[in-house]
Amino acid sequence: MKNITTNFTSRSDKELFCKIILFSTLAIGVCSIDKNKSSKIRSIKISHVYNDQFGDFDKVHIPNKPPVIAKMISVLNPEFSSSKLNDVAGKIHQVFSKYKIEPQIIVAIIDTESKFNHELVSSSGDLSMAQVNVEVWNKEFMRMNLDLIEPSKLKVDQVYSLEVMAQILQILKTRYEKKDRRWYARYHSKTKKHKREYLSKLELRLKLLEKSKLLALQ
């Protein structure tokens, strides 16, 4: 949840953009072969706060199943071993199965925050693959009478870090979903400018997942 203000056209995001173009071309070919399959992933058209380039794939229901989650992670990180994919996907399924948060949002956030690097420590002290700012969120957890986040456990326990992430996302969803179409971008920042920049990063990943769905997720 770093307060990053850099433009989203970093090297990794440029690579993601190139992947989007590639998968778009492939997806068009598949759509022409089987129109029935393509209809399964039609975007949900709803009104939202940001009248801009952001799509609706975040609202498409995708089952929270380990093989599906592993496939999504592999689309963004094809270099990951199958053992790592299955391990992380299993943990995401384990934690988020009790929350009504679409798995593509979770995968996009983690990939944006840390590229699934659990050992990452940001310049602002954010920890784990979920990049949790303990100081900021412990103030909120204390106010809500929730168990405080344990930094030492956050560093070494992936399941625990995902549970903390799930708690934070659930708080944000409950508090903001009705008035903020892109409530999940508040995981990064509350300010509109920083949210928009963050959404640009998330949207690169969501578009890549959407374009690959015909090939990888069915």
C-alpha atoms as a PDB file:
ATOM      1  CA  MET A   1       0.000   0.000   0.000  1.00  0.00           C
ATOM      2  CA  LYS A   2       2.780   2.371  -0.849  1.00  0.00           C
ATOM      3  CA  ASN A   3       1.939   5.991  -1.737  1.00  0.00           C
ATOM      4  CA  ILE A   4       3.644   5.808  -5.140  1.00  0.00           C
ATOM      5  CA  THR A   5       3.324   8.752  -7.507  1.00  0.00           C
ATOM      6  CA  THR A   6       5.370   7.444 -10.418  1.00  0.00           C
ATOM      7  CA  ASN A   7       3.743   7.039 -13.827  1.00  0.00           C
ATOM      8  CA  PHE A   8       2.386   3.568 -14.534  1.00  0.00           C
ATOM      9  CA  THR A   9       4.566   3.126 -17.613  1.00  0.00           C
ATOM     10  CA  SER A  10       7.384   1.425 -15.733  1.00  0.00           C
ATOM     11  CA  ARG A  11       9.281  -1.401 -17.376  1.00  0.00           C
ATOM     12  CA  SER A  12       7.105  -4.078 -15.761  1.00  0.00           C
ATOM     13  CA  ASP A  13       3.925  -2.250 -16.722  1.00  0.00           C
ATOM     14  CA  LYS A  14       5.162  -1.779 -20.288  1.00  0.00           C
ATOM     15  CA  GLU A  15       5.695  -5.535 -20.429  1.00  0.00           C
ATOM     16  CA  LEU A  16       2.166  -6.055 -19.158  1.00  0.00           C
ATOM     17  CA  PHE A  17       0.867  -3.692 -21.854  1.00  0.00           C
ATOM     18  CA  CYS A  18       2.642  -5.719 -24.540  1.00  0.00           C
ATOM     19  CA  LYS A  19       1.087  -8.881 -23.122  1.00  0.00           C
ATOM     20  CA  ILE A  20      -2.350  -7.253 -23.305  1.00  0.00           C
ATOM     21  CA  ILE A  21      -1.851  -6.564 -27.031  1.00  0.00           C
ATOM     22  CA  LEU A  22      -0.734 -10.153 -27.607  1.00  0.00           C
ATOM     23  CA  PHE A  23      -3.620 -11.693 -25.719  1.00  0.00           C
ATOM     24  CA  SER A  24      -6.069  -9.294 -27.379  1.00  0.00           C
ATOM     25  CA  THR A  25      -5.016 -10.617 -30.775  1.00  0.00           C
ATOM     26  CA  LEU A  26      -5.317 -14.215 -29.623  1.00  0.00           C
ATOM     27  CA  ALA A  27      -8.650 -13.586 -27.943  1.00  0.00           C
ATOM     28  CA  ILE A  28     -10.116 -12.091 -31.125  1.00  0.00           C
ATOM     29  CA  GLY A  29      -9.196 -15.258 -32.956  1.00  0.00           C
ATOM     30  CA  VAL A  30     -10.834 -17.440 -30.365  1.00  0.00           C
ATOM     31  CA  CYS A  31     -13.951 -15.251 -30.317  1.00  0.00           C
ATOM     32  CA  SER A  32     -14.376 -15.667 -34.052  1.00  0.00           C
ATOM     33  CA  ILE A  33     -14.278 -19.443 -33.625  1.00  0.00           C
ATOM     34  CA  ASP A  34     -16.693 -19.670 -30.722  1.00  0.00           C
ATOM     35  CA  LYS A  35     -19.031 -16.740 -30.097  1.00  0.00           C
ATOM     36  CA  ASN A  36     -20.773 -18.616 -27.325  1.00  0.00           C
ATOM     37  CA  LYS A  37     -17.618 -18.724 -25.227  1.00  0.00           C
ATOM     38  CA  SER A  38     -16.915 -15.059 -25.760  1.00  0.00           C
ATOM     39  CA  SER A  39     -20.381 -14.188 -24.500  1.00  0.00           C
ATOM     40  CA  LYS A  40     -19.467 -15.701 -21.137  1.00  0.00           C
ATOM     41  CA  ILE A  41     -17.026 -12.924 -20.370  1.00  0.00           C
ATOM     42  CA  ARG A  42     -18.985  -9.907 -21.551  1.00  0.00           C
ATOM     43  CA  SER A  43     -18.228  -6.924 -19.370  1.00  0.00           C
ATOM     44  CA  ILE A  44     -20.871  -5.863 -16.888  1.00  0.00           C
ATOM     45  CA  LYS A  45     -21.971  -2.342 -17.761  1.00  0.00           C
ATOM     46  CA  ILE A  46     -22.673  -0.307 -14.658  1.00  0.00           C
ATOM     47  CA  SER A  47     -22.282   3.309 -13.690  1.00  0.00           C
ATOM     48  CA  HIS A  48     -19.263   4.275 -11.647  1.00  0.00           C
ATOM     49  CA  VAL A  49     -17.426   7.214 -10.168  1.00  0.00           C
ATOM     50  CA  TYR A  50     -14.631   7.255 -12.746  1.00  0.00           C
ATOM     51  CA  ASN A  51     -15.907   8.060 -16.232  1.00  0.00           C
ATOM     52  CA  ASP A  52     -12.664   6.958 -17.809  1.00  0.00           C
ATOM     53  CA  GLN A  53     -10.795   4.069 -19.336  1.00  0.00           C
ATOM     54  CA  PHE A  54     -11.309   1.599 -16.510  1.00  0.00           C
ATOM     55  CA  GLY A  55     -13.328  -1.466 -17.452  1.00  0.00           C
ATOM     56  CA  ASP A  56     -15.754  -3.749 -15.650  1.00  0.00           C
ATOM     57  CA  PHE A  57     -13.791  -6.993 -15.437  1.00  0.00           C
ATOM     58  CA  ASP A  58     -13.477  -6.420 -11.700  1.00  0.00           C
ATOM     59  CA  LYS A  59     -17.217  -7.183 -11.488  1.00  0.00           C
ATOM     60  CA  VAL A  60     -17.134 -10.401 -13.515  1.00  0.00           C
ATOM     61  CA  HIS A  61     -17.657 -13.407 -11.275  1.00  0.00           C
ATOM     62  CA  ILE A  62     -14.730 -15.813 -11.339  1.00  0.00           C
ATOM     63  CA  PRO A  63     -14.803 -18.801  -8.986  1.00  0.00           C
ATOM     64  CA  ASN A  64     -12.419 -18.691  -6.039  1.00  0.00           C
ATOM     65  CA  LYS A  65     -10.774 -22.016  -6.812  1.00  0.00           C
ATOM     66  CA  PRO A  66      -7.040 -22.773  -6.454  1.00  0.00           C
ATOM     67  CA  PRO A  67      -6.504 -23.915 -10.088  1.00  0.00           C
ATOM     68  CA  VAL A  68      -8.226 -20.786 -11.423  1.00  0.00           C
ATOM     69  CA  ILE A  69      -6.286 -18.491  -9.114  1.00  0.00           C
ATOM     70  CA  ALA A  70      -3.020 -20.250  -9.992  1.00  0.00           C
ATOM     71  CA  LYS A  71      -3.754 -19.758 -13.688  1.00  0.00           C
ATOM     72  CA  MET A  72      -4.416 -16.056 -13.178  1.00  0.00           C
ATOM     73  CA  ILE A  73      -1.149 -15.623 -11.281  1.00  0.00           C
ATOM     74  CA  SER A  74       0.692 -17.479 -14.045  1.00  0.00           C
ATOM     75  CA  VAL A  75      -0.713 -15.092 -16.663  1.00  0.00           C
ATOM     76  CA  LEU A  76       0.937 -12.183 -14.847  1.00  0.00           C
ATOM     77  CA  ASN A  77       4.023 -14.159 -13.785  1.00  0.00           C
ATOM     78  CA  PRO A  78       4.698 -16.920 -16.316  1.00  0.00           C
ATOM     79  CA  GLU A  79       8.158 -17.469 -14.817  1.00  0.00           C
ATOM     80  CA  PHE A  80       6.733 -18.800 -11.534  1.00  0.00           C
ATOM     81  CA  SER A  81       7.147 -22.512 -10.879  1.00  0.00           C
ATOM     82  CA  SER A  82       4.036 -24.658 -10.624  1.00  0.00           C
ATOM     83  CA  SER A  83       4.797 -25.347  -6.968  1.00  0.00           C
ATOM     84  CA  LYS A  84       4.874 -21.630  -6.143  1.00  0.00           C
ATOM     85  CA  LEU A  85       1.710 -20.982  -8.140  1.00  0.00           C
ATOM     86  CA  ASN A  86      -0.191 -23.763  -6.431  1.00  0.00           C
ATOM     87  CA  ASP A  87       1.099 -22.820  -2.981  1.00  0.00           C
ATOM     88  CA  VAL A  88       0.109 -19.144  -3.220  1.00  0.00           C
ATOM     89  CA  ALA A  89      -3.180 -19.904  -4.967  1.00  0.00           C
ATOM     90  CA  GLY A  90      -4.107 -22.390  -2.252  1.00  0.00           C
ATOM     91  CA  LYS A  91      -3.450 -19.798   0.449  1.00  0.00           C
ATOM     92  CA  ILE A  92      -5.463 -17.112  -1.335  1.00  0.00           C
ATOM     93  CA  HIS A  93      -8.350 -19.567  -1.690  1.00  0.00           C
ATOM     94  CA  GLN A  94      -8.070 -20.566   1.961  1.00  0.00           C
ATOM     95  CA  VAL A  95      -8.230 -16.997   3.242  1.00  0.00           C
ATOM     96  CA  PHE A  96     -10.590 -15.293   0.795  1.00  0.00           C
ATOM     97  CA  SER A  97     -13.175 -18.065   0.409  1.00  0.00           C
ATOM     98  CA  LYS A  98     -15.155 -16.474   3.256  1.00  0.00           C
ATOM     99  CA  TYR A  99     -15.116 -12.993   1.695  1.00  0.00           C
ATOM    100  CA  LYS A 100     -17.130 -11.738  -1.274  1.00  0.00           C
ATOM    101  CA  ILE A 101     -14.177 -10.210  -3.091  1.00  0.00           C
ATOM    102  CA  GLU A 102     -13.465 -11.263  -6.665  1.00  0.00           C
ATOM    103  CA  PRO A 103     -10.154 -13.154  -6.953  1.00  0.00           C
ATOM    104  CA  GLN A 104      -9.012 -11.124  -9.967  1.00  0.00           C
ATOM    105  CA  ILE A 105      -8.991  -8.031  -7.731  1.00  0.00           C
ATOM    106  CA  ILE A 106      -6.884  -9.817  -5.121  1.00  0.00           C
ATOM    107  CA  VAL A 107      -4.411 -11.126  -7.699  1.00  0.00           C
ATOM    108  CA  ALA A 108      -4.121  -7.723  -9.391  1.00  0.00           C
ATOM    109  CA  ILE A 109      -3.491  -5.941  -6.079  1.00  0.00           C
ATOM    110  CA  ILE A 110      -0.838  -8.373  -4.862  1.00  0.00           C
ATOM    111  CA  ASP A 111       0.923  -8.342  -8.216  1.00  0.00           C
ATOM    112  CA  THR A 112       0.896  -4.532  -8.258  1.00  0.00           C
ATOM    113  CA  GLU A 113       2.066  -4.249  -4.673  1.00  0.00           C
ATOM    114  CA  SER A 114       4.835  -6.844  -4.578  1.00  0.00           C
ATOM    115  CA  LYS A 115       4.833  -9.197  -7.594  1.00  0.00           C
ATOM    116  CA  PHE A 116       4.059 -11.864  -4.954  1.00  0.00           C
ATOM    117  CA  ASN A 117       7.380 -11.252  -3.196  1.00  0.00           C
ATOM    118  CA  HIS A 118       6.618 -11.939   0.459  1.00  0.00           C
ATOM    119  CA  GLU A 119      10.018 -10.682   1.611  1.00  0.00           C
ATOM    120  CA  LEU A 120       9.545  -7.217   0.135  1.00  0.00           C
ATOM    121  CA  VAL A 121       9.883  -4.243   2.483  1.00  0.00           C
ATOM    122  CA  SER A 122       8.993  -0.887   0.941  1.00  0.00           C
ATOM    123  CA  SER A 123      10.694   2.445   1.573  1.00  0.00           C
ATOM    124  CA  SER A 124       7.741   3.358   3.807  1.00  0.00           C
ATOM    125  CA  GLY A 125       8.003   0.120   5.761  1.00  0.00           C
ATOM    126  CA  ASP A 126       5.145  -1.810   4.145  1.00  0.00           C
ATOM    127  CA  LEU A 127       5.525  -5.545   4.725  1.00  0.00           C
ATOM    128  CA  SER A 128       4.813  -8.880   3.029  1.00  0.00           C
ATOM    129  CA  MET A 129       3.382  -9.678  -0.387  1.00  0.00           C
ATOM    130  CA  ALA A 130       0.310  -7.672   0.679  1.00  0.00           C
ATOM    131  CA  GLN A 131       2.495  -4.626   1.504  1.00  0.00           C
ATOM    132  CA  VAL A 132       0.664  -3.752   4.714  1.00  0.00           C
ATOM    133  CA  ASN A 133       1.540  -0.514   6.470  1.00  0.00           C
ATOM    134  CA  VAL A 134       1.347  -1.728  10.059  1.00  0.00           C
ATOM    135  CA  GLU A 135       1.581   1.686  11.681  1.00  0.00           C
ATOM    136  CA  VAL A 136      -1.300   3.117   9.644  1.00  0.00           C
ATOM    137  CA  TRP A 137      -3.614   0.134   9.901  1.00  0.00           C
ATOM    138  CA  ASN A 138      -2.986  -0.642  13.549  1.00  0.00           C
ATOM    139  CA  LYS A 139      -4.426   2.769  14.374  1.00  0.00           C
ATOM    140  CA  GLU A 140      -7.585   1.815  12.513  1.00  0.00           C
ATOM    141  CA  PHE A 141      -7.660  -1.705  13.979  1.00  0.00           C
ATOM    142  CA  MET A 142      -7.318  -0.237  17.460  1.00  0.00           C
ATOM    143  CA  ARG A 143     -10.172   2.184  16.794  1.00  0.00           C
ATOM    144  CA  MET A 144     -12.336  -0.738  15.634  1.00  0.00           C
ATOM    145  CA  ASN A 145     -11.318  -2.961  18.565  1.00  0.00           C
ATOM    146  CA  LEU A 146      -9.711  -5.523  16.261  1.00  0.00           C
ATOM    147  CA  ASP A 147      -6.627  -7.577  17.071  1.00  0.00           C
ATOM    148  CA  LEU A 148      -3.556  -5.529  16.245  1.00  0.00           C
ATOM    149  CA  ILE A 149      -1.330  -6.592  13.360  1.00  0.00           C
ATOM    150  CA  GLU A 150       1.873  -8.353  14.421  1.00  0.00           C
ATOM    151  CA  PRO A 151       4.780  -7.158  12.237  1.00  0.00           C
ATOM    152  CA  SER A 152       7.026 -10.122  13.052  1.00  0.00           C
ATOM    153  CA  LYS A 153       4.295 -12.583  12.076  1.00  0.00           C
ATOM    154  CA  LEU A 154       3.426 -10.572   8.989  1.00  0.00           C
ATOM    155  CA  LYS A 155       6.990 -10.975   7.705  1.00  0.00           C
ATOM    156  CA  VAL A 156       7.111 -14.769   7.909  1.00  0.00           C
ATOM    157  CA  ASP A 157       3.536 -16.035   7.638  1.00  0.00           C
ATOM    158  CA  GLN A 158       1.965 -15.711   4.198  1.00  0.00           C
ATOM    159  CA  VAL A 159      -1.450 -16.898   5.350  1.00  0.00           C
ATOM    160  CA  TYR A 160      -1.446 -14.342   8.146  1.00  0.00           C
ATOM    161  CA  SER A 161      -0.490 -11.547   5.740  1.00  0.00           C
ATOM    162  CA  LEU A 162      -3.346 -12.532   3.422  1.00  0.00           C
ATOM    163  CA  GLU A 163      -5.743 -12.599   6.369  1.00  0.00           C
ATOM    164  CA  VAL A 164      -4.692  -9.051   7.273  1.00  0.00           C
ATOM    165  CA  MET A 165      -5.127  -8.021   3.643  1.00  0.00           C
ATOM    166  CA  ALA A 166      -8.596  -9.597   3.614  1.00  0.00           C
ATOM    167  CA  GLN A 167      -9.574  -7.716   6.760  1.00  0.00           C
ATOM    168  CA  ILE A 168      -8.428  -4.425   5.270  1.00  0.00           C
ATOM    169  CA  LEU A 169     -10.237  -5.012   1.973  1.00  0.00           C
ATOM    170  CA  GLN A 170     -13.402  -6.016   3.798  1.00  0.00           C
ATOM    171  CA  ILE A 171     -13.270  -2.830   5.860  1.00  0.00           C
ATOM    172  CA  LEU A 172     -12.844  -0.762   2.708  1.00  0.00           C
ATOM    173  CA  LYS A 173     -15.591  -2.613   0.855  1.00  0.00           C
ATOM    174  CA  THR A 174     -18.091  -2.267   3.697  1.00  0.00           C
ATOM    175  CA  ARG A 175     -17.274   1.383   4.202  1.00  0.00           C
ATOM    176  CA  TYR A 176     -16.996   2.647   0.620  1.00  0.00           C
ATOM    177  CA  GLU A 177     -18.504   0.261  -1.939  1.00  0.00           C
ATOM    178  CA  LYS A 178     -21.894   1.994  -2.147  1.00  0.00           C
ATOM    179  CA  LYS A 179     -20.382   5.388  -2.962  1.00  0.00           C
ATOM    180  CA  ASP A 180     -17.122   4.429  -4.667  1.00  0.00           C
ATOM    181  CA  ARG A 181     -17.239   2.159  -7.718  1.00  0.00           C
ATOM    182  CA  ARG A 182     -13.507   1.441  -7.335  1.00  0.00           C
ATOM    183  CA  TRP A 183     -13.477   1.041  -3.559  1.00  0.00           C
ATOM    184  CA  TYR A 184     -10.608  -1.467  -3.657  1.00  0.00           C
ATOM    185  CA  ALA A 185      -8.167   1.219  -4.923  1.00  0.00           C
ATOM    186  CA  ARG A 186      -8.376   2.718  -1.435  1.00  0.00           C
ATOM    187  CA  TYR A 187      -6.097  -0.144  -0.399  1.00  0.00           C
ATOM    188  CA  HIS A 188      -3.372   2.072  -1.805  1.00  0.00           C
ATOM    189  CA  SER A 189      -4.572   5.576  -1.029  1.00  0.00           C
ATOM    190  CA  LYS A 190      -7.655   7.630  -0.146  1.00  0.00           C
ATOM    191  CA  THR A 191      -6.751  10.560  -2.409  1.00  0.00           C
ATOM    192  CA  LYS A 192      -8.331  10.623  -5.867  1.00  0.00           C
ATOM    193  CA  LYS A 193      -5.051  11.377  -7.659  1.00  0.00           C
ATOM    194  CA  HIS A 194      -3.181   8.451  -6.126  1.00  0.00           C
ATOM    195  CA  LYS A 195      -6.164   6.142  -6.532  1.00  0.00           C
ATOM    196  CA  ARG A 196      -6.341   6.946 -10.238  1.00  0.00           C
ATOM    197  CA  GLU A 197      -2.631   6.202 -10.690  1.00  0.00           C
ATOM    198  CA  TYR A 198      -3.042   2.975  -8.751  1.00  0.00           C
ATOM    199  CA  LEU A 199      -6.105   2.014 -10.787  1.00  0.00           C
ATOM    200  CA  SER A 200      -4.064   2.444 -13.961  1.00  0.00           C
ATOM    201  CA  LYS A 201      -1.647  -0.172 -12.642  1.00  0.00           C
ATOM    202  CA  LEU A 202      -4.452  -2.489 -11.575  1.00  0.00           C
ATOM    203  CA  GLU A 203      -6.276  -2.049 -14.880  1.00  0.00           C
ATOM    204  CA  LEU A 204      -3.231  -3.202 -16.852  1.00  0.00           C
ATOM    205  CA  ARG A 205      -3.360  -6.457 -14.946  1.00  0.00           C
ATOM    206  CA  LEU A 206      -7.136  -6.815 -15.042  1.00  0.00           C
ATOM    207  CA  LYS A 207      -7.185  -6.282 -18.802  1.00  0.00           C
ATOM    208  CA  LEU A 208      -4.509  -8.893 -19.272  1.00  0.00           C
ATOM    209  CA  LEU A 209      -6.502 -11.349 -17.162  1.00  0.00           C
ATOM    210  CA  GLU A 210      -9.678 -10.522 -19.085  1.00  0.00           C
ATOM    211  CA  LYS A 211      -8.027 -11.052 -22.460  1.00  0.00           C
ATOM    212  CA  SER A 212      -6.547 -14.341 -21.336  1.00  0.00           C
ATOM    213  CA  LYS A 213      -9.749 -15.700 -19.865  1.00  0.00           C
ATOM    214  CA  LEU A 214     -10.884 -17.451 -23.048  1.00  0.00           C
ATOM    215  CA  LEU A 215      -7.530 -19.199 -23.296  1.00  0.00           C
ATOM    216  CA  ALA A 216      -6.670 -19.846 -19.679  1.00  0.00           C
ATOM    217  CA  LEU A 217      -9.570 -19.682 -17.277  1.00  0.00           C
ATOM    218  CA  GLN A 218     -12.321 -21.828 -18.807  1.00  0.00           C
END
